[in-house]
């Protein structure tokens, strides 16, 4: 039992000393969340306009934040995290 606690503490300490990994992990999670947000905006656009969006700029009213790295491919979001 004591060995398991020691390993756990050591692993946590290593993560705290590796800010690049923490930043990369956080960026990956944010990218996945943004991809889902863009997909949701596509659905919202279709519900309101009864047609598919043809450009990511059409989705800006449905999303807070920068979605300029994304595009629409086959009716779905494409970009980081997708």
PDB file of N, CA and C in Angstrom:
ATOM      1  N   UNK A   1       0.823  -1.191   0.000  1.00  0.00           N
ATOM      2  CA  UNK A   1       0.000   0.000   0.000  1.00  0.00           C
ATOM      3  C   UNK A   1       0.866   1.254   0.000  1.00  0.00           C
ATOM      4  N   UNK A   2       1.898   1.277   0.805  1.00  0.00           N
ATOM      5  CA  UNK A   2       2.766   2.452   0.867  1.00  0.00           C
ATOM      6  C   UNK A   2       3.462   2.683  -0.466  1.00  0.00           C
ATOM      7  N   UNK A   3       3.823   1.604  -1.148  1.00  0.00           N
ATOM      8  CA  UNK A   3       4.492   1.743  -2.445  1.00  0.00           C
ATOM      9  C   UNK A   3       3.562   2.389  -3.470  1.00  0.00           C
ATOM     10  N   UNK A   4       2.298   2.030  -3.434  1.00  0.00           N
ATOM     11  CA  UNK A   4       1.337   2.602  -4.377  1.00  0.00           C
ATOM     12  C   UNK A   4       1.177   4.101  -4.148  1.00  0.00           C
ATOM     13  N   UNK A   5       1.148   4.503  -2.894  1.00  0.00           N
ATOM     14  CA  UNK A   5       1.026   5.922  -2.572  1.00  0.00           C
ATOM     15  C   UNK A   5       2.264   6.672  -3.040  1.00  0.00           C
ATOM     16  N   UNK A   6       3.437   6.082  -2.843  1.00  0.00           N
ATOM     17  CA  UNK A   6       4.688   6.717  -3.260  1.00  0.00           C
ATOM     18  C   UNK A   6       4.723   6.908  -4.771  1.00  0.00           C
ATOM     19  N   UNK A   7       4.331   5.890  -5.514  1.00  0.00           N
ATOM     20  CA  UNK A   7       4.317   5.985  -6.970  1.00  0.00           C
ATOM     21  C   UNK A   7       3.336   7.061  -7.413  1.00  0.00           C
ATOM     22  N   UNK A   8       2.182   7.120  -6.782  1.00  0.00           N
ATOM     23  CA  UNK A   8       1.178   8.109  -7.136  1.00  0.00           C
ATOM     24  C   UNK A   8       1.689   9.526  -6.898  1.00  0.00           C
ATOM     25  N   UNK A   9       2.320   9.752  -5.777  1.00  0.00           N
ATOM     26  CA  UNK A   9       2.861  11.070  -5.462  1.00  0.00           C
ATOM     27  C   UNK A   9       3.977  11.421  -6.432  1.00  0.00           C
ATOM     28  N   UNK A  10       4.833  10.465  -6.750  1.00  0.00           N
ATOM     29  CA  UNK A  10       5.929  10.720  -7.684  1.00  0.00           C
ATOM     30  C   UNK A  10       5.385  11.061  -9.065  1.00  0.00           C
ATOM     31  N   UNK A  11       4.363  10.363  -9.511  1.00  0.00           N
ATOM     32  CA  UNK A  11       3.760  10.655 -10.811  1.00  0.00           C
ATOM     33  C   UNK A  11       3.140  12.038 -10.839  1.00  0.00           C
ATOM     34  N   UNK A  12       2.481  12.415  -9.771  1.00  0.00           N
ATOM     35  CA  UNK A  12       1.895  13.751  -9.676  1.00  0.00           C
ATOM     36  C   UNK A  12       2.952  14.830  -9.667  1.00  0.00           C
ATOM     37  N   UNK A  13       4.048  14.581  -8.984  1.00  0.00           N
ATOM     38  CA  UNK A  13       5.134  15.557  -8.936  1.00  0.00           C
ATOM     39  C   UNK A  13       5.763  15.721 -10.310  1.00  0.00           C
ATOM     40  N   UNK A  14       5.937  14.620 -11.040  1.00  0.00           N
ATOM     41  CA  UNK A  14       6.512  14.698 -12.380  1.00  0.00           C
ATOM     42  C   UNK A  14       5.624  15.530 -13.293  1.00  0.00           C
ATOM     43  N   UNK A  15       4.310  15.319 -13.205  1.00  0.00           N
ATOM     44  CA  UNK A  15       3.388  16.081 -14.051  1.00  0.00           C
ATOM     45  C   UNK A  15       3.484  17.572 -13.745  1.00  0.00           C
ATOM     46  N   UNK A  16       3.659  17.905 -12.476  1.00  0.00           N
ATOM     47  CA  UNK A  16       3.771  19.310 -12.101  1.00  0.00           C
ATOM     48  C   UNK A  16       5.053  19.932 -12.648  1.00  0.00           C
ATOM     49  N   UNK A  17       6.076  19.115 -12.856  1.00  0.00           N
ATOM     50  CA  UNK A  17       7.346  19.618 -13.363  1.00  0.00           C
ATOM     51  C   UNK A  17       7.430  19.571 -14.886  1.00  0.00           C
ATOM     52  N   UNK A  18       6.384  19.134 -15.543  1.00  0.00           N
ATOM     53  CA  UNK A  18       6.391  19.014 -16.995  1.00  0.00           C
ATOM     54  C   UNK A  18       5.276  19.885 -17.594  1.00  0.00           C
ATOM     55  N   UNK A  19       5.455  21.216 -17.562  1.00  0.00           N
ATOM     56  CA  UNK A  19       4.391  22.100 -18.039  1.00  0.00           C
ATOM     57  C   UNK A  19       4.086  21.946 -19.529  1.00  0.00           C
ATOM     58  N   UNK A  20       5.067  21.517 -20.333  1.00  0.00           N
ATOM     59  CA  UNK A  20       4.802  21.319 -21.762  1.00  0.00           C
ATOM     60  C   UNK A  20       3.768  20.226 -21.984  1.00  0.00           C
ATOM     61  N   UNK A  21       3.862  19.134 -21.215  1.00  0.00           N
ATOM     62  CA  UNK A  21       2.886  18.047 -21.333  1.00  0.00           C
ATOM     63  C   UNK A  21       1.515  18.509 -20.859  1.00  0.00           C
ATOM     64  N   UNK A  22       1.489  19.237 -19.767  1.00  0.00           N
ATOM     65  CA  UNK A  22       0.213  19.739 -19.255  1.00  0.00           C
ATOM     66  C   UNK A  22      -0.434  20.661 -20.289  1.00  0.00           C
ATOM     67  N   UNK A  23       0.358  21.537 -20.889  1.00  0.00           N
ATOM     68  CA  UNK A  23      -0.155  22.450 -21.911  1.00  0.00           C
ATOM     69  C   UNK A  23      -0.667  21.686 -23.125  1.00  0.00           C
ATOM     70  N   UNK A  24       0.089  20.691 -23.571  1.00  0.00           N
ATOM     71  CA  UNK A  24      -0.327  19.891 -24.732  1.00  0.00           C
ATOM     72  C   UNK A  24      -1.625  19.141 -24.443  1.00  0.00           C
ATOM     73  N   UNK A  25      -1.727  18.566 -23.240  1.00  0.00           N
ATOM     74  CA  UNK A  25      -2.949  17.850 -22.864  1.00  0.00           C
ATOM     75  C   UNK A  25      -4.147  18.798 -22.819  1.00  0.00           C
ATOM     76  N   UNK A  26      -3.949  19.972 -22.248  1.00  0.00           N
ATOM     77  CA  UNK A  26      -5.038  20.948 -22.160  1.00  0.00           C
ATOM     78  C   UNK A  26      -5.464  21.411 -23.551  1.00  0.00           C
ATOM     79  N   UNK A  27      -4.497  21.612 -24.431  1.00  0.00           N
ATOM     80  CA  UNK A  27      -4.813  22.045 -25.794  1.00  0.00           C
ATOM     81  C   UNK A  27      -5.608  20.961 -26.530  1.00  0.00           C
ATOM     82  N   UNK A  28      -5.240  19.699 -26.344  1.00  0.00           N
ATOM     83  CA  UNK A  28      -5.952  18.596 -27.006  1.00  0.00           C
ATOM     84  C   UNK A  28      -7.401  18.524 -26.536  1.00  0.00           C
ATOM     85  N   UNK A  29      -7.613  18.693 -25.241  1.00  0.00           N
ATOM     86  CA  UNK A  29      -8.973  18.670 -24.704  1.00  0.00           C
ATOM     87  C   UNK A  29      -9.772  19.856 -25.237  1.00  0.00           C
ATOM     88  N   UNK A  30      -9.161  21.026 -25.275  1.00  0.00           N
ATOM     89  CA  UNK A  30      -9.848  22.219 -25.788  1.00  0.00           C
ATOM     90  C   UNK A  30     -10.196  22.064 -27.264  1.00  0.00           C
ATOM     91  N   UNK A  31      -9.280  21.483 -28.040  1.00  0.00           N
ATOM     92  CA  UNK A  31      -9.550  21.276 -29.465  1.00  0.00           C
ATOM     93  C   UNK A  31     -10.733  20.344 -29.671  1.00  0.00           C
ATOM     94  N   UNK A  32     -10.800  19.266 -28.886  1.00  0.00           N
ATOM     95  CA  UNK A  32     -11.931  18.337 -29.012  1.00  0.00           C
ATOM     96  C   UNK A  32     -13.237  19.025 -28.640  1.00  0.00           C
ATOM     97  N   UNK A  33     -13.202  19.833 -27.587  1.00  0.00           N
ATOM     98  CA  UNK A  33     -14.408  20.550 -27.176  1.00  0.00           C
ATOM     99  C   UNK A  33     -14.835  21.544 -28.246  1.00  0.00           C
ATOM    100  N   UNK A  34     -13.875  22.232 -28.861  1.00  0.00           N
ATOM    101  CA  UNK A  34     -14.207  23.192 -29.911  1.00  0.00           C
ATOM    102  C   UNK A  34     -14.784  22.484 -31.127  1.00  0.00           C
ATOM    103  N   UNK A  35     -14.248  21.330 -31.473  1.00  0.00           N
ATOM    104  CA  UNK A  35     -14.783  20.562 -32.600  1.00  0.00           C
ATOM    105  C   UNK A  35     -16.249  20.212 -32.341  1.00  0.00           C
ATOM    106  N   UNK A  36     -16.552  19.772 -31.139  1.00  0.00           N
ATOM    107  CA  UNK A  36     -17.938  19.446 -30.795  1.00  0.00           C
ATOM    108  C   UNK A  36     -18.818  20.696 -30.845  1.00  0.00           C
ATOM    109  N   UNK A  37     -18.264  21.818 -30.407  1.00  0.00           N
ATOM    110  CA  UNK A  37     -19.009  23.076 -30.451  1.00  0.00           C
ATOM    111  C   UNK A  37     -19.345  23.460 -31.884  1.00  0.00           C
ATOM    112  N   UNK A  38     -18.389  23.305 -32.784  1.00  0.00           N
ATOM    113  CA  UNK A  38     -18.633  23.623 -34.195  1.00  0.00           C
ATOM    114  C   UNK A  38     -19.684  22.671 -34.767  1.00  0.00           C
ATOM    115  N   UNK A  39     -19.601  21.389 -34.433  1.00  0.00           N
ATOM    116  CA  UNK A  39     -20.630  20.441 -34.882  1.00  0.00           C
ATOM    117  C   UNK A  39     -22.013  20.861 -34.377  1.00  0.00           C
ATOM    118  N   UNK A  40     -22.090  21.282 -33.123  1.00  0.00           N
ATOM    119  CA  UNK A  40     -23.359  21.734 -32.558  1.00  0.00           C
ATOM    120  C   UNK A  40     -23.853  22.991 -33.265  1.00  0.00           C
ATOM    121  N   UNK A  41     -22.937  23.889 -33.602  1.00  0.00           N
ATOM    122  CA  UNK A  41     -23.313  25.103 -34.335  1.00  0.00           C
ATOM    123  C   UNK A  41     -23.859  24.760 -35.717  1.00  0.00           C
ATOM    124  N   UNK A  42     -23.296  23.748 -36.351  1.00  0.00           N
ATOM    125  CA  UNK A  42     -23.796  23.308 -37.662  1.00  0.00           C
ATOM    126  C   UNK A  42     -25.249  22.843 -37.531  1.00  0.00           C
ATOM    127  N   UNK A  43     -25.518  22.051 -36.505  1.00  0.00           N
ATOM    128  CA  UNK A  43     -26.890  21.572 -36.272  1.00  0.00           C
ATOM    129  C   UNK A  43     -27.818  22.755 -35.998  1.00  0.00           C
ATOM    130  N   UNK A  44     -27.368  23.702 -35.179  1.00  0.00           N
ATOM    131  CA  UNK A  44     -28.174  24.887 -34.892  1.00  0.00           C
ATOM    132  C   UNK A  44     -28.463  25.703 -36.138  1.00  0.00           C
ATOM    133  N   UNK A  45     -27.456  25.868 -36.973  1.00  0.00           N
ATOM    134  CA  UNK A  45     -27.626  26.611 -38.226  1.00  0.00           C
ATOM    135  C   UNK A  45     -28.681  25.942 -39.099  1.00  0.00           C
ATOM    136  N   UNK A  46     -28.594  24.628 -39.224  1.00  0.00           N
ATOM    137  CA  UNK A  46     -29.559  23.886 -40.047  1.00  0.00           C
ATOM    138  C   UNK A  46     -30.972  24.028 -39.480  1.00  0.00           C
ATOM    139  N   UNK A  47     -31.097  23.955 -38.154  1.00  0.00           N
ATOM    140  CA  UNK A  47     -32.414  24.066 -37.525  1.00  0.00           C
ATOM    141  C   UNK A  47     -33.051  25.431 -37.782  1.00  0.00           C
ATOM    142  N   UNK A  48     -32.253  26.475 -37.757  1.00  0.00           N
ATOM    143  CA  UNK A  48     -32.781  27.827 -37.938  1.00  0.00           C
ATOM    144  C   UNK A  48     -33.001  28.164 -39.411  1.00  0.00           C
ATOM    145  N   UNK A  49     -32.078  27.740 -40.262  1.00  0.00           N
ATOM    146  CA  UNK A  49     -32.094  28.166 -41.665  1.00  0.00           C
ATOM    147  C   UNK A  49     -32.636  27.130 -42.646  1.00  0.00           C
ATOM    148  N   UNK A  50     -32.865  25.915 -42.178  1.00  0.00           N
ATOM    149  CA  UNK A  50     -33.365  24.813 -43.006  1.00  0.00           C
ATOM    150  C   UNK A  50     -32.492  24.546 -44.226  1.00  0.00           C
ATOM    151  N   UNK A  51     -31.197  24.797 -44.088  1.00  0.00           N
ATOM    152  CA  UNK A  51     -30.216  24.494 -45.131  1.00  0.00           C
ATOM    153  C   UNK A  51     -28.857  24.310 -44.469  1.00  0.00           C
ATOM    154  N   UNK A  52     -27.987  23.601 -45.145  1.00  0.00           N
ATOM    155  CA  UNK A  52     -26.651  23.373 -44.591  1.00  0.00           C
ATOM    156  C   UNK A  52     -25.784  24.619 -44.733  1.00  0.00           C
ATOM    157  N   UNK A  53     -24.930  24.889 -43.748  1.00  0.00           N
ATOM    158  CA  UNK A  53     -23.979  25.986 -43.908  1.00  0.00           C
ATOM    159  C   UNK A  53     -22.920  25.604 -44.939  1.00  0.00           C
ATOM    160  N   UNK A  54     -22.460  26.572 -45.688  1.00  0.00           N
ATOM    161  CA  UNK A  54     -21.435  26.317 -46.699  1.00  0.00           C
ATOM    162  C   UNK A  54     -20.089  26.901 -46.308  1.00  0.00           C
ATOM    163  N   UNK A  55     -20.067  27.692 -45.247  1.00  0.00           N
ATOM    164  CA  UNK A  55     -18.838  28.342 -44.810  1.00  0.00           C
ATOM    165  C   UNK A  55     -18.808  28.417 -43.290  1.00  0.00           C
ATOM    166  N   UNK A  56     -17.635  28.290 -42.725  1.00  0.00           N
ATOM    167  CA  UNK A  56     -17.487  28.372 -41.273  1.00  0.00           C
ATOM    168  C   UNK A  56     -17.890  29.758 -40.769  1.00  0.00           C
ATOM    169  N   UNK A  57     -17.756  30.781 -41.598  1.00  0.00           N
ATOM    170  CA  UNK A  57     -18.131  32.132 -41.170  1.00  0.00           C
ATOM    171  C   UNK A  57     -19.628  32.251 -40.902  1.00  0.00           C
ATOM    172  N   UNK A  58     -20.427  31.409 -41.516  1.00  0.00           N
ATOM    173  CA  UNK A  58     -21.869  31.418 -41.259  1.00  0.00           C
ATOM    174  C   UNK A  58     -22.191  30.957 -39.841  1.00  0.00           C
ATOM    175  N   UNK A  59     -21.259  30.286 -39.187  1.00  0.00           N
ATOM    176  CA  UNK A  59     -21.505  29.740 -37.852  1.00  0.00           C
ATOM    177  C   UNK A  59     -21.105  30.688 -36.732  1.00  0.00           C
ATOM    178  N   UNK A  60     -20.432  31.779 -37.047  1.00  0.00           N
ATOM    179  CA  UNK A  60     -19.937  32.692 -36.009  1.00  0.00           C
ATOM    180  C   UNK A  60     -21.019  33.178 -35.046  1.00  0.00           C
ATOM    181  N   UNK A  61     -22.250  33.455 -35.504  1.00  0.00           N
ATOM    182  CA  UNK A  61     -23.281  33.873 -34.546  1.00  0.00           C
ATOM    183  C   UNK A  61     -23.665  32.777 -33.539  1.00  0.00           C
ATOM    184  N   UNK A  62     -23.315  31.547 -33.823  1.00  0.00           N
ATOM    185  CA  UNK A  62     -23.688  30.420 -32.971  1.00  0.00           C
ATOM    186  C   UNK A  62     -22.583  30.013 -32.001  1.00  0.00           C
ATOM    187  N   UNK A  63     -21.409  30.629 -32.110  1.00  0.00           N
ATOM    188  CA  UNK A  63     -20.247  30.204 -31.324  1.00  0.00           C
ATOM    189  C   UNK A  63     -19.550  31.422 -30.730  1.00  0.00           C
ATOM    190  N   UNK A  64     -19.238  31.367 -29.440  1.00  0.00           N
ATOM    191  CA  UNK A  64     -18.371  32.371 -28.826  1.00  0.00           C
ATOM    192  C   UNK A  64     -16.947  31.861 -28.954  1.00  0.00           C
ATOM    193  N   UNK A  65     -16.074  32.658 -29.505  1.00  0.00           N
ATOM    194  CA  UNK A  65     -14.680  32.250 -29.632  1.00  0.00           C
ATOM    195  C   UNK A  65     -14.246  32.129 -31.076  1.00  0.00           C
ATOM    196  N   UNK A  66     -12.982  31.804 -31.228  1.00  0.00           N
ATOM    197  CA  UNK A  66     -12.349  31.740 -32.545  1.00  0.00           C
ATOM    198  C   UNK A  66     -12.493  30.337 -33.133  1.00  0.00           C
ATOM    199  N   UNK A  67     -13.190  30.234 -34.253  1.00  0.00           N
ATOM    200  CA  UNK A  67     -13.339  28.945 -34.937  1.00  0.00           C
ATOM    201  C   UNK A  67     -12.698  28.991 -36.320  1.00  0.00           C
ATOM    202  N   UNK A  68     -11.788  29.937 -36.515  1.00  0.00           N
ATOM    203  CA  UNK A  68     -11.187  30.140 -37.838  1.00  0.00           C
ATOM    204  C   UNK A  68     -10.317  28.975 -38.294  1.00  0.00           C
ATOM    205  N   UNK A  69      -9.881  28.116 -37.377  1.00  0.00           N
ATOM    206  CA  UNK A  69      -9.054  26.963 -37.771  1.00  0.00           C
ATOM    207  C   UNK A  69      -9.897  25.781 -38.245  1.00  0.00           C
ATOM    208  N   UNK A  70     -11.206  25.955 -38.257  1.00  0.00           N
ATOM    209  CA  UNK A  70     -12.110  24.867 -38.632  1.00  0.00           C
ATOM    210  C   UNK A  70     -12.743  25.133 -39.989  1.00  0.00           C
ATOM    211  N   UNK A  71     -13.226  24.063 -40.597  1.00  0.00           N
ATOM    212  CA  UNK A  71     -13.956  24.158 -41.855  1.00  0.00           C
ATOM    213  C   UNK A  71     -15.061  23.101 -41.820  1.00  0.00           C
ATOM    214  N   UNK A  72     -15.924  23.145 -42.792  1.00  0.00           N
ATOM    215  CA  UNK A  72     -17.024  22.183 -42.877  1.00  0.00           C
ATOM    216  C   UNK A  72     -16.714  21.212 -44.006  1.00  0.00           C
ATOM    217  N   UNK A  73     -16.687  19.923 -43.678  1.00  0.00           N
ATOM    218  CA  UNK A  73     -16.409  18.874 -44.664  1.00  0.00           C
ATOM    219  C   UNK A  73     -17.476  17.794 -44.505  1.00  0.00           C
ATOM    220  N   UNK A  74     -18.239  17.588 -45.543  1.00  0.00           N
ATOM    221  CA  UNK A  74     -19.277  16.561 -45.488  1.00  0.00           C
ATOM    222  C   UNK A  74     -20.318  16.821 -44.418  1.00  0.00           C
ATOM    223  N   UNK A  75     -20.587  18.096 -44.150  1.00  0.00           N
ATOM    224  CA  UNK A  75     -21.595  18.446 -43.158  1.00  0.00           C
ATOM    225  C   UNK A  75     -21.124  18.389 -41.722  1.00  0.00           C
ATOM    226  N   UNK A  76     -19.844  18.134 -41.502  1.00  0.00           N
ATOM    227  CA  UNK A  76     -19.288  18.034 -40.148  1.00  0.00           C
ATOM    228  C   UNK A  76     -18.106  18.970 -40.004  1.00  0.00           C
ATOM    229  N   UNK A  77     -17.779  19.271 -38.760  1.00  0.00           N
ATOM    230  CA  UNK A  77     -16.608  20.100 -38.479  1.00  0.00           C
ATOM    231  C   UNK A  77     -15.339  19.333 -38.811  1.00  0.00           C
ATOM    232  N   UNK A  78     -14.366  20.045 -39.347  1.00  0.00           N
ATOM    233  CA  UNK A  78     -13.042  19.476 -39.611  1.00  0.00           C
ATOM    234  C   UNK A  78     -12.017  20.491 -39.127  1.00  0.00           C
ATOM    235  N   UNK A  79     -11.041  20.007 -38.397  1.00  0.00           N
ATOM    236  CA  UNK A  79     -10.010  20.883 -37.854  1.00  0.00           C
ATOM    237  C   UNK A  79      -9.393  20.241 -36.631  1.00  0.00           C
ATOM    238  N   UNK A  80      -8.684  21.019 -35.829  1.00  0.00           N
ATOM    239  CA  UNK A  80      -8.018  20.468 -34.647  1.00  0.00           C
ATOM    240  C   UNK A  80      -9.001  19.760 -33.713  1.00  0.00           C
ATOM    241  N   UNK A  81      -8.658  18.564 -33.308  1.00  0.00           N
ATOM    242  CA  UNK A  81      -9.486  17.812 -32.375  1.00  0.00           C
ATOM    243  C   UNK A  81     -10.617  17.027 -33.005  1.00  0.00           C
ATOM    244  N   UNK A  82     -10.815  17.179 -34.302  1.00  0.00           N
ATOM    245  CA  UNK A  82     -11.921  16.475 -34.973  1.00  0.00           C
ATOM    246  C   UNK A  82     -11.459  15.127 -35.513  1.00  0.00           C
TER     247      UNK A  82
END
